[in-house]
N, C-alpha and C. Protein backbone atom coordinates (compact mmCIF):
# COMPACT_ATOMS: atom_id res chain seq x y z
N MET A 1 48.84 -68.02 -16.19
CA MET A 1 49.73 -67.24 -17.02
C MET A 1 49.77 -65.82 -16.48
N ALA A 2 50.96 -65.28 -16.28
CA ALA A 2 51.13 -63.92 -15.76
C ALA A 2 50.96 -62.92 -16.89
N VAL A 3 50.28 -61.84 -16.57
CA VAL A 3 50.08 -60.77 -17.55
C VAL A 3 50.98 -59.61 -17.17
N LEU A 4 51.81 -59.21 -18.09
CA LEU A 4 52.71 -58.09 -17.84
C LEU A 4 51.99 -56.79 -18.18
N SER A 5 52.06 -55.87 -17.26
CA SER A 5 51.45 -54.57 -17.47
C SER A 5 52.53 -53.60 -17.93
N VAL A 6 52.27 -52.95 -19.01
CA VAL A 6 53.23 -51.99 -19.56
C VAL A 6 52.65 -50.60 -19.39
N THR A 7 53.37 -49.78 -18.64
CA THR A 7 52.93 -48.40 -18.48
C THR A 7 53.61 -47.57 -19.54
N ARG A 8 52.81 -46.79 -20.21
CA ARG A 8 53.36 -45.93 -21.26
C ARG A 8 53.20 -44.49 -20.83
N LYS A 9 54.22 -43.71 -21.08
CA LYS A 9 54.17 -42.30 -20.76
C LYS A 9 54.33 -41.52 -22.06
N PRO A 10 53.41 -40.63 -22.33
CA PRO A 10 53.51 -39.86 -23.58
C PRO A 10 54.67 -38.87 -23.52
N LEU A 11 55.28 -38.66 -24.64
CA LEU A 11 56.34 -37.67 -24.78
C LEU A 11 55.82 -36.58 -25.70
N GLY A 12 55.77 -35.39 -25.21
CA GLY A 12 55.32 -34.27 -26.05
C GLY A 12 56.51 -33.70 -26.80
N VAL A 13 56.39 -33.64 -28.09
CA VAL A 13 57.46 -33.07 -28.92
C VAL A 13 56.83 -32.01 -29.82
N ARG A 14 57.40 -30.83 -29.79
CA ARG A 14 56.91 -29.76 -30.65
C ARG A 14 57.88 -29.61 -31.82
N ALA A 15 57.32 -29.49 -32.99
CA ALA A 15 58.15 -29.36 -34.19
C ALA A 15 57.55 -28.30 -35.10
N THR A 16 58.41 -27.63 -35.83
CA THR A 16 57.92 -26.68 -36.83
C THR A 16 57.34 -27.50 -37.98
N PRO A 17 56.55 -26.87 -38.82
CA PRO A 17 56.02 -27.61 -39.97
C PRO A 17 57.13 -28.23 -40.83
N GLY A 18 58.22 -27.53 -40.99
CA GLY A 18 59.34 -28.06 -41.78
C GLY A 18 59.98 -29.27 -41.11
N GLN A 19 60.17 -29.19 -39.79
CA GLN A 19 60.73 -30.32 -39.06
C GLN A 19 59.79 -31.52 -39.11
N HIS A 20 58.50 -31.24 -38.97
CA HIS A 20 57.51 -32.33 -39.01
C HIS A 20 57.54 -33.02 -40.37
N LYS A 21 57.66 -32.24 -41.42
CA LYS A 21 57.71 -32.81 -42.77
C LYS A 21 58.92 -33.72 -42.93
N VAL A 22 60.08 -33.27 -42.46
CA VAL A 22 61.31 -34.08 -42.55
C VAL A 22 61.13 -35.38 -41.79
N LEU A 23 60.61 -35.30 -40.57
CA LEU A 23 60.41 -36.50 -39.75
C LEU A 23 59.40 -37.45 -40.38
N THR A 24 58.32 -36.89 -40.89
CA THR A 24 57.29 -37.72 -41.52
C THR A 24 57.84 -38.45 -42.74
N GLN A 25 58.60 -37.74 -43.55
CA GLN A 25 59.18 -38.37 -44.75
C GLN A 25 60.20 -39.44 -44.37
N ALA A 26 61.03 -39.16 -43.38
CA ALA A 26 62.03 -40.14 -42.96
C ALA A 26 61.36 -41.38 -42.36
N ALA A 27 60.32 -41.17 -41.56
CA ALA A 27 59.58 -42.30 -40.97
C ALA A 27 58.95 -43.15 -42.07
N ALA A 28 58.40 -42.50 -43.07
CA ALA A 28 57.78 -43.24 -44.18
C ALA A 28 58.82 -44.07 -44.92
N ARG A 29 60.00 -43.50 -45.16
CA ARG A 29 61.06 -44.25 -45.84
C ARG A 29 61.50 -45.47 -45.03
N ALA A 30 61.40 -45.35 -43.70
CA ALA A 30 61.79 -46.46 -42.82
C ALA A 30 60.61 -47.40 -42.54
N ASN A 31 59.46 -47.13 -43.18
CA ASN A 31 58.24 -47.92 -42.96
C ASN A 31 57.87 -47.99 -41.48
N ARG A 32 57.91 -46.84 -40.82
CA ARG A 32 57.58 -46.76 -39.39
C ARG A 32 56.65 -45.59 -39.16
N SER A 33 55.99 -45.61 -38.02
CA SER A 33 55.20 -44.44 -37.63
C SER A 33 56.15 -43.34 -37.20
N VAL A 34 55.68 -42.12 -37.22
CA VAL A 34 56.51 -41.00 -36.80
C VAL A 34 56.90 -41.19 -35.33
N SER A 35 55.95 -41.60 -34.49
CA SER A 35 56.24 -41.81 -33.07
C SER A 35 57.34 -42.85 -32.88
N SER A 36 57.22 -43.97 -33.57
CA SER A 36 58.21 -45.03 -33.46
C SER A 36 59.57 -44.56 -33.96
N PHE A 37 59.58 -43.84 -35.07
CA PHE A 37 60.81 -43.35 -35.66
C PHE A 37 61.52 -42.37 -34.72
N VAL A 38 60.76 -41.41 -34.18
CA VAL A 38 61.34 -40.40 -33.29
C VAL A 38 61.83 -41.04 -32.00
N LEU A 39 61.04 -41.96 -31.43
CA LEU A 39 61.45 -42.62 -30.20
C LEU A 39 62.73 -43.41 -30.41
N SER A 40 62.82 -44.12 -31.52
CA SER A 40 64.02 -44.91 -31.81
C SER A 40 65.25 -44.01 -31.94
N ALA A 41 65.10 -42.91 -32.66
CA ALA A 41 66.22 -41.97 -32.84
C ALA A 41 66.61 -41.34 -31.51
N ALA A 42 65.62 -40.99 -30.69
CA ALA A 42 65.91 -40.38 -29.39
C ALA A 42 66.63 -41.37 -28.47
N LEU A 43 66.19 -42.62 -28.47
CA LEU A 43 66.84 -43.63 -27.64
C LEU A 43 68.28 -43.89 -28.09
N GLU A 44 68.48 -43.89 -29.39
CA GLU A 44 69.84 -44.08 -29.92
C GLU A 44 70.75 -42.93 -29.49
N ALA A 45 70.24 -41.70 -29.58
CA ALA A 45 71.03 -40.53 -29.17
C ALA A 45 71.29 -40.55 -27.66
N ALA A 46 70.28 -40.95 -26.89
CA ALA A 46 70.45 -41.01 -25.43
C ALA A 46 71.47 -42.07 -25.04
N SER A 47 71.45 -43.19 -25.72
CA SER A 47 72.43 -44.25 -25.44
C SER A 47 73.84 -43.78 -25.76
N ALA A 48 74.00 -43.04 -26.84
CA ALA A 48 75.32 -42.53 -27.21
C ALA A 48 75.81 -41.55 -26.15
N GLN A 49 74.92 -40.71 -25.64
CA GLN A 49 75.29 -39.76 -24.59
C GLN A 49 75.64 -40.48 -23.30
N ALA A 50 74.87 -41.50 -22.97
CA ALA A 50 75.09 -42.23 -21.72
C ALA A 50 76.42 -42.96 -21.71
N SER A 51 76.92 -43.33 -22.88
CA SER A 51 78.17 -44.07 -22.94
C SER A 51 79.40 -43.16 -22.84
N LYS A 52 79.18 -41.85 -22.96
CA LYS A 52 80.31 -40.91 -22.84
C LYS A 52 80.66 -40.76 -21.37
N PRO A 53 81.95 -40.82 -21.06
CA PRO A 53 82.33 -40.64 -19.66
C PRO A 53 82.09 -39.19 -19.21
N ARG A 54 81.63 -39.05 -17.98
CA ARG A 54 81.42 -37.71 -17.43
C ARG A 54 82.76 -37.13 -17.01
N LYS A 55 82.88 -35.81 -17.11
CA LYS A 55 84.11 -35.15 -16.71
C LYS A 55 84.13 -35.02 -15.19
N SER A 56 85.31 -35.17 -14.63
CA SER A 56 85.45 -35.02 -13.18
C SER A 56 85.42 -33.53 -12.84
N LEU A 57 85.22 -33.23 -11.58
CA LEU A 57 85.20 -31.85 -11.12
C LEU A 57 86.53 -31.16 -11.44
N GLU A 58 87.61 -31.89 -11.30
CA GLU A 58 88.92 -31.32 -11.60
C GLU A 58 89.04 -30.97 -13.08
N GLU A 59 88.52 -31.84 -13.95
CA GLU A 59 88.56 -31.57 -15.39
C GLU A 59 87.73 -30.33 -15.72
N VAL A 60 86.56 -30.22 -15.12
CA VAL A 60 85.70 -29.06 -15.37
C VAL A 60 86.39 -27.79 -14.90
N ARG A 61 87.00 -27.84 -13.72
CA ARG A 61 87.71 -26.66 -13.20
C ARG A 61 88.86 -26.26 -14.13
N ALA A 62 89.57 -27.24 -14.67
CA ALA A 62 90.68 -26.96 -15.59
C ALA A 62 90.16 -26.32 -16.88
N ILE A 63 89.03 -26.79 -17.37
CA ILE A 63 88.43 -26.21 -18.58
C ILE A 63 88.02 -24.77 -18.33
N VAL A 64 87.38 -24.51 -17.20
CA VAL A 64 86.96 -23.15 -16.86
C VAL A 64 88.17 -22.24 -16.71
N GLU A 65 89.20 -22.71 -16.06
CA GLU A 65 90.40 -21.90 -15.87
C GLU A 65 91.07 -21.60 -17.22
N ALA A 66 91.09 -22.56 -18.10
CA ALA A 66 91.66 -22.33 -19.44
C ALA A 66 90.86 -21.27 -20.19
N ALA A 67 89.54 -21.32 -20.06
CA ALA A 67 88.70 -20.31 -20.71
C ALA A 67 88.96 -18.93 -20.11
N ARG A 68 89.08 -18.87 -18.80
CA ARG A 68 89.37 -17.59 -18.14
C ARG A 68 90.71 -17.02 -18.61
N GLU A 69 91.70 -17.90 -18.76
CA GLU A 69 93.02 -17.46 -19.22
C GLU A 69 92.94 -16.89 -20.64
N GLU A 70 92.13 -17.51 -21.50
CA GLU A 70 91.94 -16.98 -22.85
C GLU A 70 91.34 -15.58 -22.81
N VAL A 71 90.36 -15.38 -21.95
CA VAL A 71 89.75 -14.05 -21.82
C VAL A 71 90.78 -13.05 -21.31
N ARG A 72 91.58 -13.44 -20.33
CA ARG A 72 92.63 -12.55 -19.80
C ARG A 72 93.61 -12.13 -20.89
N LYS A 73 93.95 -13.06 -21.78
CA LYS A 73 94.90 -12.74 -22.87
C LYS A 73 94.36 -11.62 -23.75
N HIS A 74 93.05 -11.61 -23.95
CA HIS A 74 92.44 -10.62 -24.85
C HIS A 74 91.96 -9.39 -24.10
N ASN A 75 92.27 -9.29 -22.82
CA ASN A 75 91.89 -8.14 -22.01
C ASN A 75 93.09 -7.71 -21.16
N PRO A 76 94.17 -7.28 -21.82
CA PRO A 76 95.40 -6.96 -21.07
C PRO A 76 95.24 -5.80 -20.10
N SER A 77 94.29 -4.91 -20.35
CA SER A 77 94.11 -3.76 -19.46
C SER A 77 93.31 -4.13 -18.21
N LYS A 78 92.86 -5.38 -18.16
CA LYS A 78 92.11 -5.91 -17.01
C LYS A 78 90.86 -5.11 -16.69
N ARG A 79 90.20 -4.62 -17.77
CA ARG A 79 88.93 -3.92 -17.59
C ARG A 79 87.88 -4.91 -17.12
N ASP A 80 86.93 -4.42 -16.33
CA ASP A 80 85.83 -5.27 -15.87
C ASP A 80 84.75 -5.24 -16.95
N LEU A 81 84.84 -6.19 -17.87
CA LEU A 81 83.96 -6.19 -19.03
C LEU A 81 82.50 -6.40 -18.65
N SER A 82 82.25 -7.20 -17.63
CA SER A 82 80.85 -7.44 -17.25
C SER A 82 80.23 -6.16 -16.68
N LYS A 83 80.98 -5.40 -15.87
CA LYS A 83 80.46 -4.13 -15.35
C LYS A 83 80.20 -3.14 -16.48
N GLU A 84 81.11 -3.13 -17.46
CA GLU A 84 80.91 -2.25 -18.62
C GLU A 84 79.66 -2.61 -19.39
N LEU A 85 79.44 -3.90 -19.59
CA LEU A 85 78.25 -4.36 -20.31
C LEU A 85 76.98 -3.99 -19.55
N ILE A 86 76.98 -4.21 -18.25
CA ILE A 86 75.80 -3.87 -17.44
C ILE A 86 75.54 -2.37 -17.50
N ALA A 87 76.59 -1.56 -17.41
CA ALA A 87 76.43 -0.10 -17.49
C ALA A 87 75.86 0.31 -18.84
N GLU A 88 76.34 -0.32 -19.91
CA GLU A 88 75.81 -0.01 -21.25
C GLU A 88 74.32 -0.35 -21.33
N ARG A 89 73.95 -1.51 -20.82
CA ARG A 89 72.54 -1.93 -20.88
C ARG A 89 71.65 -1.01 -20.05
N ARG A 90 72.14 -0.60 -18.88
CA ARG A 90 71.36 0.32 -18.05
C ARG A 90 71.19 1.67 -18.75
N ALA A 91 72.24 2.13 -19.41
CA ALA A 91 72.16 3.40 -20.14
C ALA A 91 71.15 3.28 -21.28
N GLU A 92 71.15 2.15 -21.99
CA GLU A 92 70.18 1.94 -23.07
C GLU A 92 68.76 1.94 -22.52
N ALA A 93 68.57 1.26 -21.39
CA ALA A 93 67.23 1.18 -20.79
C ALA A 93 66.76 2.55 -20.33
N ALA A 94 67.68 3.36 -19.82
CA ALA A 94 67.31 4.70 -19.36
C ALA A 94 66.90 5.57 -20.53
N ARG A 95 67.51 5.37 -21.70
CA ARG A 95 67.17 6.17 -22.89
C ARG A 95 65.82 5.78 -23.48
N GLU A 96 65.32 4.61 -23.17
CA GLU A 96 64.05 4.14 -23.77
C GLU A 96 62.85 4.72 -23.12
C-alpha cells in the first residue's frame, strides 16, 4: 500500500483583537477551527480572483491614458503638480 506524504506549509496571519474575535465567532458558528475557516475563505477568494480574466497590456495602457486625460482636464494651466508637491515637501522639511 502506498503512503501519500502531505507537506504542509504554515501561513502566518496577523489580526487585530477585533478581527480575531470576528473570525473566531464565525468559525464557531460554522463548527470549524479558525485555521480551517480562514483557509477555506482564503481559497474561495483566491479562486474567485483566479477566474477573472487578466487585462491585456493594451487595456492597461488605455486605462492609464484615460486617467491621465482626466488629470489634464482638471489642470488646464498645465502646471507640473508633482514638482510643486515635491517643492512643498522640501520646504516643510527645511522648516523642521
